[in-house]
Amino acid sequence: MIELAYTEKRLARCITYSDLINDKRLLDRKNRLAAANRTLQGINAGTLFHADLDQITIRGKSAYKCRNIEQMLATRLVSQNIRANYRIRQQNRNVIIKNLISMLKESGPYNIFRFDIESFFENIDRKELKKRLMNDGQCSRQTILLIFQLFDRLDKQSIVGLPRGLGISATLSEYVLHEFDNAIKRENDVFFYARFVDDIVLITSPDLNKSAAINLLDKNIFPGLNIHKKGKKISQHFVPRATDNNQENLKIHPFEYLGYQFSIFENNHLHDTILGIPKRRIEVDICQEKIDKLTGRVINSFTSYISTSTHSAAFALLENRIKALTGNYIINDPSTNISIKTGIYYNYHEKNITRDCPLKKLDALLRGLLFSKNHALSMKIQSKIDFTKRRKLVGYTFSSGFYKRRLHYFTNKDLKTLKEAWKK
């Protein structure tokens, strides 16, 4: 058992940079220690979850957040202890994509399956989860007690499964599928397996058909969870052995996963080899769903500007939104000293297609909005932004943001303001 003690010092370390932004009083060390002390008193008295969780909406779905800082600190420390005891962590998206591409380049025949778990968080059986945590004996009595007290509050609020929005829900959901992941990876016919939250990809031997793959997942999935059996949430592709034929009309097998579209060719690459062994030709690009999302955010940025154009800071806010969409920026968390680069390049840096590039289509959209005479929205934008400022905005392009890795700098507070227009 590896447990961080439930002490004032440990709880104070659970205060994050976002907490400091949301509550300026926490900038004072005395107030942070006072919050940690109140949390510890609530843990000892068993009263932390006497207050309801607050309901919010995330991406159109019901979600919840802790009512107060005391609930947040306690659940964060519980999450840390669960991750430590079970050595679990969410898979890194970039690592998954790199390993997936490497596997797709194999010249031998294989099947590709993509699956999705139905209503993942909502369908997790809390009774079964409690039973497993108790039987495992990996966590301390205090950790188990806090989880049970949280679950009692969820029962009183008639919340099913694990509530979206809470960090502890993400941790417990990974625990729920920990054994499932290991069981699928052990199968002889499974060459590659990855899961990012509820999105699953399998590369298997040609002998494992769709029905057998579904049975394999159903047999090992946590009670209450189900795999989608039909619809756009699942896909299957048989990829035959690659040849050295480099005809232009060779069949391509496209599929999408985690924001990318992969085009898998039935021939080997002319130059990509490892120890003299040719690798299959693979092309990777941003999937259409993400392009549509970026398109919507560009349009929303301009419509938001139109409604606030009389404000003195309106154009600067619009310019920053275009910078963020077309380029890259760093997310800093001073509480952990972690810096993460994100944006059009860092989110899709495995993209390797330059012809018919969707980024050029996004650049054309931006130019059209700023200078076209054929659309009502474009004319409205031009009536609100003078020519000099429009020339400045058109200088920010998705292509240069990606290929030149153009980097901009925003504070966390700035980013929160920028993203408000993209929630529409």
Protein backbone atom coordinates (compact mmCIF):
# COMPACT_ATOMS: atom_id res chain seq x y z
CA MET A 1 0.00 0.00 0.00
CA ILE A 2 1.38 3.41 -1.05
CA GLU A 3 -0.54 6.22 0.59
CA LEU A 4 0.02 9.92 1.00
CA ALA A 5 -1.11 10.83 4.50
CA TYR A 6 -4.20 12.98 4.95
CA THR A 7 -2.38 15.85 6.62
CA GLU A 8 -2.70 19.61 6.42
CA LYS A 9 0.59 19.85 4.51
CA ARG A 10 -0.40 17.25 1.90
CA LEU A 11 -3.84 18.78 1.42
CA ALA A 12 -2.34 22.26 0.95
CA ARG A 13 -0.18 20.86 -1.87
CA CYS A 14 -3.36 19.88 -3.69
CA ILE A 15 -4.22 23.55 -4.28
CA THR A 16 -3.72 24.26 -8.00
CA TYR A 17 -3.04 27.35 -10.05
CA SER A 18 -6.68 27.42 -11.21
CA ASP A 19 -7.72 27.62 -7.55
CA LEU A 20 -5.52 30.69 -7.12
CA ILE A 21 -7.13 32.31 -10.16
CA ASN A 22 -10.66 31.54 -8.98
CA ASP A 23 -10.07 32.63 -5.39
CA LYS A 24 -7.49 35.40 -4.91
CA ARG A 25 -7.57 34.85 -1.14
CA LEU A 26 -5.60 31.64 -1.71
CA LEU A 27 -2.62 33.67 -2.90
CA ASP A 28 -1.98 34.21 0.80
CA ARG A 29 -0.19 31.18 2.28
CA LYS A 30 -2.10 31.54 5.54
CA ASN A 31 -5.40 31.18 3.69
CA ARG A 32 -4.14 28.09 1.83
CA LEU A 33 -3.17 26.46 5.11
CA ALA A 34 -6.51 27.45 6.61
CA ALA A 35 -8.34 25.78 3.68
CA ALA A 36 -6.24 22.65 4.15
CA ASN A 37 -6.99 22.69 7.89
CA ARG A 38 -10.75 22.98 7.27
CA THR A 39 -10.47 20.06 4.84
CA LEU A 40 -8.69 17.93 7.41
CA GLN A 41 -11.31 18.76 10.04
CA GLY A 42 -14.06 17.79 7.58
CA ILE A 43 -12.30 14.49 6.83
CA ASN A 44 -12.00 13.67 10.53
CA ALA A 45 -15.61 14.63 11.23
CA GLY A 46 -16.97 12.88 8.12
CA THR A 47 -18.83 16.02 7.01
CA LEU A 48 -17.07 16.95 3.74
CA PHE A 49 -19.83 15.62 1.50
CA HIS A 50 -22.81 16.85 3.49
CA ALA A 51 -23.10 19.59 0.85
CA ASP A 52 -24.38 18.81 -2.65
CA LEU A 53 -22.12 18.89 -5.68
CA ASP A 54 -22.86 21.77 -8.07
CA GLN A 55 -24.31 20.83 -11.45
CA ILE A 56 -22.73 22.31 -14.58
CA THR A 57 -22.74 21.57 -18.33
CA ILE A 58 -19.69 20.40 -20.28
CA ARG A 59 -20.01 19.98 -24.07
CA GLY A 60 -23.77 19.74 -23.79
CA LYS A 61 -23.71 17.02 -21.11
CA SER A 62 -24.55 17.21 -17.43
CA ALA A 63 -21.48 17.42 -15.24
CA TYR A 64 -20.63 18.34 -11.67
CA LYS A 65 -18.04 20.20 -9.68
CA CYS A 66 -17.19 20.28 -6.00
CA ARG A 67 -19.19 22.75 -3.94
CA ASN A 68 -16.16 24.13 -2.11
CA ILE A 69 -12.38 24.04 -1.85
CA GLU A 70 -12.53 21.47 0.96
CA GLN A 71 -14.27 18.89 -1.25
CA MET A 72 -11.81 19.59 -4.06
CA LEU A 73 -8.70 19.10 -1.93
CA ALA A 74 -9.99 15.87 -0.42
CA THR A 75 -10.96 14.32 -3.77
CA ARG A 76 -7.62 15.31 -5.31
CA LEU A 77 -5.67 13.58 -2.55
CA VAL A 78 -7.90 10.50 -2.86
CA SER A 79 -7.15 10.48 -6.60
CA GLN A 80 -3.42 10.67 -5.96
CA ASN A 81 -3.60 7.71 -3.59
CA ILE A 82 -5.62 5.58 -6.02
CA ARG A 83 -3.17 6.29 -8.84
CA ALA A 84 -0.23 5.49 -6.56
CA ASN A 85 -1.70 2.25 -5.19
CA TYR A 86 -2.74 0.85 -8.57
CA ARG A 87 0.00 2.50 -10.67
CA ILE A 88 -2.58 3.78 -13.11
CA ARG A 89 -2.59 6.86 -15.28
CA GLN A 90 -4.43 7.95 -18.37
CA GLN A 91 -2.63 7.08 -21.59
CA ASN A 92 -0.81 9.93 -23.32
CA ARG A 93 -2.56 10.74 -26.63
CA ASN A 94 0.68 11.53 -28.46
CA VAL A 95 2.29 8.27 -27.35
CA ILE A 96 -0.78 6.30 -28.48
CA ILE A 97 -0.69 7.91 -31.93
CA LYS A 98 3.06 7.35 -32.39
CA ASN A 99 2.76 3.67 -31.45
CA LEU A 100 -0.34 3.24 -33.60
CA ILE A 101 1.39 4.67 -36.68
CA SER A 102 4.38 2.39 -36.09
CA MET A 103 2.07 -0.62 -35.95
CA LEU A 104 0.07 0.44 -39.03
CA LYS A 105 3.30 0.53 -41.04
CA GLU A 106 3.76 -3.22 -40.65
CA SER A 107 3.65 -4.92 -44.06
CA GLY A 108 1.77 -8.03 -42.92
CA PRO A 109 -2.03 -8.40 -43.10
CA TYR A 110 -4.15 -7.28 -40.16
CA ASN A 111 -7.58 -6.14 -39.03
CA ILE A 112 -8.22 -2.71 -37.53
CA PHE A 113 -11.14 -2.22 -35.16
CA ARG A 114 -12.31 0.95 -33.49
CA PHE A 115 -14.85 0.73 -30.66
CA ASP A 116 -16.48 3.10 -28.22
CA ILE A 117 -17.99 2.48 -24.79
CA GLU A 118 -21.61 3.54 -24.42
CA SER A 119 -22.20 6.40 -21.92
CA PHE A 120 -18.93 5.50 -20.24
CA PHE A 121 -19.08 7.53 -17.02
CA GLU A 122 -22.84 7.19 -16.52
CA ASN A 123 -22.88 3.39 -16.86
CA ILE A 124 -20.17 2.56 -14.33
CA ASP A 125 -21.73 0.44 -11.57
CA ARG A 126 -20.78 2.11 -8.28
CA LYS A 127 -21.82 -0.89 -6.19
CA GLU A 128 -19.45 -3.14 -8.12
CA LEU A 129 -16.77 -0.47 -7.91
CA LYS A 130 -17.11 -0.25 -4.12
CA LYS A 131 -16.95 -4.02 -3.83
CA ARG A 132 -13.76 -4.26 -5.87
CA LEU A 133 -12.04 -1.49 -3.96
CA MET A 134 -12.86 -3.27 -0.70
CA ASN A 135 -11.75 -6.70 -1.94
CA ASP A 136 -8.50 -5.39 -3.41
CA GLY A 137 -7.26 -4.07 -0.08
CA GLN A 138 -4.89 -1.72 -1.89
CA CYS A 139 -6.15 1.54 -0.41
CA SER A 140 -6.23 2.73 3.19
CA ARG A 141 -9.38 2.78 5.27
CA GLN A 142 -9.43 6.59 5.06
CA THR A 143 -9.29 6.61 1.26
CA ILE A 144 -12.07 4.01 1.00
CA LEU A 145 -14.18 5.89 3.55
CA LEU A 146 -13.92 9.17 1.61
CA ILE A 147 -14.90 7.43 -1.64
CA PHE A 148 -17.92 5.85 0.06
CA GLN A 149 -18.96 9.20 1.55
CA LEU A 150 -18.75 10.77 -1.91
CA PHE A 151 -20.85 7.93 -3.35
CA ASP A 152 -23.46 8.45 -0.63
CA ARG A 153 -23.74 12.09 -1.75
CA LEU A 154 -24.14 10.94 -5.36
CA ASP A 155 -26.95 8.62 -4.25
CA LYS A 156 -28.72 11.47 -2.45
CA GLN A 157 -28.47 13.63 -5.58
CA SER A 158 -29.66 10.75 -7.81
CA ILE A 159 -26.46 10.95 -9.87
CA VAL A 160 -25.79 7.74 -11.80
CA GLY A 161 -22.36 6.27 -12.42
CA LEU A 162 -19.40 8.59 -12.00
CA PRO A 163 -20.13 12.31 -12.44
CA ARG A 164 -18.40 14.01 -15.36
CA GLY A 165 -16.31 17.02 -14.42
CA LEU A 166 -14.73 15.64 -11.25
CA GLY A 167 -11.05 14.71 -11.39
CA ILE A 168 -11.69 11.73 -9.15
CA SER A 169 -14.16 10.36 -11.73
CA ALA A 170 -11.39 10.24 -14.34
CA THR A 171 -9.13 8.41 -11.87
CA LEU A 172 -11.79 5.89 -10.85
CA SER A 173 -12.78 5.27 -14.47
CA GLU A 174 -9.16 4.34 -15.24
CA TYR A 175 -9.19 2.00 -12.24
CA VAL A 176 -12.43 0.45 -13.51
CA LEU A 177 -10.82 -0.49 -16.86
CA HIS A 178 -7.35 -1.33 -15.53
CA GLU A 179 -7.95 -5.10 -15.56
CA PHE A 180 -9.85 -4.86 -18.86
CA ASP A 181 -6.88 -3.19 -20.57
CA ASN A 182 -4.47 -5.84 -19.33
CA ALA A 183 -6.78 -8.70 -20.35
CA ILE A 184 -7.11 -7.45 -23.95
CA LYS A 185 -3.36 -6.89 -24.28
CA ARG A 186 -2.69 -10.50 -23.26
CA GLU A 187 -4.72 -11.96 -26.15
CA ASN A 188 -2.53 -13.70 -28.73
CA ASP A 189 -4.51 -12.37 -31.69
CA VAL A 190 -4.23 -8.75 -30.51
CA PHE A 191 -1.13 -7.10 -31.98
CA PHE A 192 -1.91 -3.62 -30.67
CA TYR A 193 -4.41 -2.22 -28.17
CA ALA A 194 -4.95 1.32 -26.97
CA ARG A 195 -7.72 3.13 -25.12
CA PHE A 196 -8.09 6.85 -24.57
CA VAL A 197 -10.92 7.32 -22.03
CA ASP A 198 -13.74 5.44 -23.84
CA ASP A 199 -12.27 5.33 -27.37
CA ILE A 200 -10.66 1.97 -28.22
CA VAL A 201 -8.51 0.85 -31.15
CA LEU A 202 -7.37 -2.70 -31.86
CA ILE A 203 -5.02 -4.12 -34.47
CA THR A 204 -5.42 -7.87 -34.65
CA SER A 205 -4.56 -10.89 -36.72
CA PRO A 206 -6.81 -11.39 -39.78
CA ASP A 207 -8.28 -14.43 -38.00
CA LEU A 208 -10.04 -12.30 -35.39
CA ASN A 209 -13.25 -11.09 -37.02
CA LYS A 210 -15.61 -8.37 -35.85
CA SER A 211 -17.89 -10.71 -33.94
CA ALA A 212 -14.96 -12.31 -32.13
CA ALA A 213 -13.48 -8.90 -31.30
CA ILE A 214 -16.79 -7.73 -29.79
CA ASN A 215 -17.09 -10.95 -27.78
CA LEU A 216 -13.55 -10.47 -26.48
CA LEU A 217 -14.33 -6.95 -25.27
CA ASP A 218 -17.74 -7.88 -23.82
CA LYS A 219 -16.26 -10.82 -21.93
CA ASN A 220 -13.74 -8.62 -20.12
CA ILE A 221 -15.53 -5.28 -19.74
CA PHE A 222 -16.47 -3.95 -16.28
CA PRO A 223 -20.05 -4.83 -15.21
CA GLY A 224 -22.60 -2.31 -16.49
CA LEU A 225 -20.44 -1.10 -19.37
CA ASN A 226 -21.25 -1.94 -22.99
CA ILE A 227 -19.45 -1.59 -26.31
CA HIS A 228 -21.30 0.13 -29.16
CA LYS A 229 -22.26 -2.62 -31.62
CA LYS A 230 -23.22 -0.44 -34.59
CA GLY A 231 -23.22 3.10 -35.89
CA LYS A 232 -20.44 5.60 -36.49
CA LYS A 233 -18.86 4.80 -33.13
CA ILE A 234 -17.35 1.57 -34.49
CA SER A 235 -15.41 0.67 -37.63
CA GLN A 236 -13.57 -2.32 -39.10
CA HIS A 237 -10.94 -2.55 -41.83
CA PHE A 238 -9.11 -5.54 -43.25
CA VAL A 239 -5.70 -4.53 -44.56
CA PRO A 240 -3.99 -7.14 -46.80
CA ARG A 241 -0.28 -7.80 -47.00
CA ALA A 242 1.56 -4.85 -48.51
CA THR A 243 3.22 -5.15 -51.92
CA ASP A 244 6.10 -3.28 -53.55
CA ASN A 245 3.74 -2.18 -56.33
CA ASN A 246 3.67 1.63 -56.48
CA GLN A 247 0.71 2.15 -58.78
CA GLU A 248 -1.34 5.27 -58.11
CA ASN A 249 -4.65 3.36 -58.03
CA LEU A 250 -3.83 0.99 -55.18
CA LYS A 251 -6.63 0.77 -52.62
CA ILE A 252 -6.49 2.98 -49.51
CA HIS A 253 -8.08 2.09 -46.16
CA PRO A 254 -9.01 5.28 -44.22
CA PHE A 255 -10.03 5.38 -40.58
CA GLU A 256 -10.14 8.04 -37.86
CA TYR A 257 -8.90 7.97 -34.30
CA LEU A 258 -8.22 10.70 -31.71
CA GLY A 259 -8.52 13.59 -34.14
CA TYR A 260 -6.45 12.07 -36.95
CA GLN A 261 -7.36 10.42 -40.23
CA PHE A 262 -5.08 7.54 -41.22
CA SER A 263 -4.84 6.45 -44.85
CA ILE A 264 -3.38 2.93 -45.03
CA PHE A 265 -2.06 1.87 -48.43
CA GLU A 266 -1.77 -1.65 -49.83
CA ASN A 267 1.82 -1.00 -50.89
CA ASN A 268 5.08 -0.32 -49.13
CA HIS A 269 6.71 3.08 -48.93
CA LEU A 270 9.47 3.71 -51.47
CA HIS A 271 12.00 4.92 -48.90
CA ASP A 272 10.73 4.05 -45.40
CA THR A 273 12.62 0.99 -44.20
CA ILE A 274 13.93 -0.43 -40.93
CA LEU A 275 17.07 -2.62 -41.22
CA GLY A 276 16.36 -2.94 -44.92
CA ILE A 277 12.77 -4.13 -44.38
CA PRO A 278 10.23 -1.90 -46.21
CA LYS A 279 7.42 -0.35 -44.21
CA ARG A 280 3.86 0.13 -45.39
CA ARG A 281 2.90 3.51 -46.82
CA ILE A 282 0.82 5.50 -44.33
CA GLU A 283 -0.56 9.01 -44.66
CA VAL A 284 -1.78 10.94 -41.63
CA ASP A 285 -3.86 14.10 -41.56
CA ILE A 286 -6.27 16.01 -39.32
CA CYS A 287 -9.71 14.42 -39.44
CA GLN A 288 -12.67 16.28 -40.90
CA GLU A 289 -14.47 16.55 -37.56
CA LYS A 290 -11.60 18.59 -36.12
CA ILE A 291 -11.44 20.78 -39.24
CA ASP A 292 -15.16 21.47 -38.87
CA LYS A 293 -14.60 22.34 -35.21
CA LEU A 294 -11.84 24.82 -36.09
CA THR A 295 -14.08 26.30 -38.79
CA GLY A 296 -16.82 26.86 -36.23
CA ARG A 297 -14.41 28.50 -33.81
CA VAL A 298 -13.12 30.91 -36.44
CA ILE A 299 -16.68 31.95 -37.31
CA ASN A 300 -17.67 32.24 -33.64
CA SER A 301 -14.65 34.45 -33.00
CA PHE A 302 -15.85 36.91 -35.63
CA THR A 303 -19.53 36.84 -34.62
CA SER A 304 -18.48 37.49 -31.02
CA TYR A 305 -16.43 40.46 -32.21
CA ILE A 306 -19.33 41.88 -34.21
CA SER A 307 -21.54 41.92 -31.12
CA THR A 308 -18.86 43.68 -29.02
CA SER A 309 -17.02 45.77 -31.66
CA THR A 310 -17.70 49.05 -29.85
CA HIS A 311 -15.63 47.92 -26.85
CA SER A 312 -12.11 49.33 -26.79
CA ALA A 313 -10.47 45.92 -26.31
CA ALA A 314 -12.67 44.04 -28.80
CA PHE A 315 -10.18 43.92 -31.68
CA ALA A 316 -7.27 42.87 -29.45
CA LEU A 317 -9.43 40.01 -28.15
CA LEU A 318 -10.35 38.97 -31.71
CA GLU A 319 -6.69 39.07 -32.77
CA ASN A 320 -5.68 36.89 -29.83
CA ARG A 321 -8.41 34.38 -30.69
CA ILE A 322 -7.16 34.16 -34.28
CA LYS A 323 -3.59 33.80 -33.00
CA ALA A 324 -4.60 30.95 -30.69
CA LEU A 325 -6.60 29.13 -33.39
CA THR A 326 -4.01 29.42 -36.16
CA GLY A 327 -0.94 28.97 -33.99
CA ASN A 328 0.35 27.37 -30.83
CA TYR A 329 0.73 28.43 -27.21
CA ILE A 330 2.00 27.21 -23.86
CA ILE A 331 -0.20 26.23 -20.95
CA ASN A 332 1.66 26.84 -17.70
CA ASP A 333 0.79 25.47 -14.27
CA PRO A 334 3.03 27.16 -11.67
CA SER A 335 1.77 24.79 -8.96
CA THR A 336 3.33 21.80 -10.75
CA ASN A 337 6.00 23.57 -12.87
CA ILE A 338 4.61 21.76 -15.91
CA SER A 339 4.51 23.55 -19.28
CA ILE A 340 2.54 22.04 -22.12
CA LYS A 341 2.70 23.21 -25.72
CA THR A 342 -0.62 22.97 -27.51
CA GLY A 343 -2.19 24.25 -30.72
CA ILE A 344 -2.45 23.49 -34.42
CA TYR A 345 1.03 21.90 -34.64
CA TYR A 346 1.46 20.34 -31.21
CA ASN A 347 -2.03 18.77 -31.27
CA TYR A 348 -1.52 17.26 -34.74
CA HIS A 349 2.24 17.04 -35.23
CA GLU A 350 2.02 13.51 -36.70
CA LYS A 351 0.28 14.94 -39.78
CA ASN A 352 2.43 14.16 -42.84
CA ILE A 353 0.32 15.23 -45.84
CA THR A 354 1.02 18.50 -47.64
CA ARG A 355 -1.01 18.08 -50.84
CA ASP A 356 -4.68 19.07 -50.68
CA CYS A 357 -3.95 20.16 -47.11
CA PRO A 358 -7.04 21.02 -45.04
CA LEU A 359 -5.05 23.79 -43.36
CA LYS A 360 -4.98 25.65 -46.67
CA LYS A 361 -8.77 25.39 -46.80
CA LEU A 362 -8.96 26.94 -43.33
CA ASP A 363 -6.66 29.75 -44.55
CA ALA A 364 -9.00 30.29 -47.49
CA LEU A 365 -11.95 30.49 -45.08
CA LEU A 366 -10.17 33.15 -43.03
CA ARG A 367 -9.29 35.18 -46.15
CA GLY A 368 -12.87 34.88 -47.39
CA LEU A 369 -14.32 36.14 -44.11
CA LEU A 370 -12.01 39.15 -44.20
CA PHE A 371 -12.19 40.10 -47.90
CA SER A 372 -14.97 38.28 -49.78
CA LYS A 373 -17.74 40.38 -51.33
CA ASN A 374 -20.08 37.40 -51.81
CA HIS A 375 -21.24 36.53 -48.28
CA ALA A 376 -23.33 38.44 -45.77
CA LEU A 377 -21.09 37.57 -42.82
CA SER A 378 -17.98 38.69 -44.72
CA MET A 379 -19.59 42.01 -45.57
CA LYS A 380 -20.64 42.48 -41.95
CA ILE A 381 -17.09 41.76 -40.77
CA GLN A 382 -15.64 44.23 -43.28
CA SER A 383 -18.04 46.93 -42.13
CA LYS A 384 -16.76 46.51 -38.57
CA ILE A 385 -13.00 46.07 -39.22
CA ASP A 386 -11.02 48.50 -41.35
CA PHE A 387 -8.72 47.34 -44.14
CA THR A 388 -5.46 47.79 -42.18
CA LYS A 389 -6.67 45.62 -39.32
CA ARG A 390 -7.98 42.98 -41.72
CA ARG A 391 -4.59 42.87 -43.42
CA LYS A 392 -3.07 42.25 -40.00
CA LEU A 393 -5.45 39.37 -39.22
CA VAL A 394 -4.95 37.64 -42.56
CA GLY A 395 -1.24 37.41 -41.72
CA TYR A 396 -2.08 34.72 -39.18
CA THR A 397 -2.49 31.46 -41.10
CA PHE A 398 -3.04 27.85 -40.08
CA SER A 399 -0.35 26.77 -42.53
CA SER A 400 2.36 28.95 -40.98
CA GLY A 401 1.14 28.04 -37.50
CA PHE A 402 1.68 24.37 -38.33
CA TYR A 403 4.71 24.30 -40.60
CA LYS A 404 6.60 27.14 -38.86
CA ARG A 405 5.32 26.14 -35.40
CA ARG A 406 4.37 29.74 -34.71
CA LEU A 407 4.17 30.19 -30.93
CA HIS A 408 2.18 32.81 -29.02
CA TYR A 409 2.02 33.56 -25.31
CA PHE A 410 -1.12 33.93 -23.22
CA THR A 411 -1.80 33.87 -19.51
CA ASN A 412 -4.21 31.30 -18.10
CA LYS A 413 -6.66 34.13 -17.49
CA ASP A 414 -6.35 35.25 -21.14
CA LEU A 415 -7.01 31.72 -22.37
CA LYS A 416 -10.14 31.44 -20.26
CA THR A 417 -11.46 34.64 -21.88
CA LEU A 418 -10.46 33.54 -25.41
CA LYS A 419 -12.33 30.25 -25.12
CA GLU A 420 -15.61 31.86 -24.10
CA ALA A 421 -16.50 32.58 -27.73
CA TRP A 422 -15.78 28.97 -28.75
CA LYS A 423 -18.39 27.48 -26.42
CA LYS A 424 -21.27 28.72 -28.59
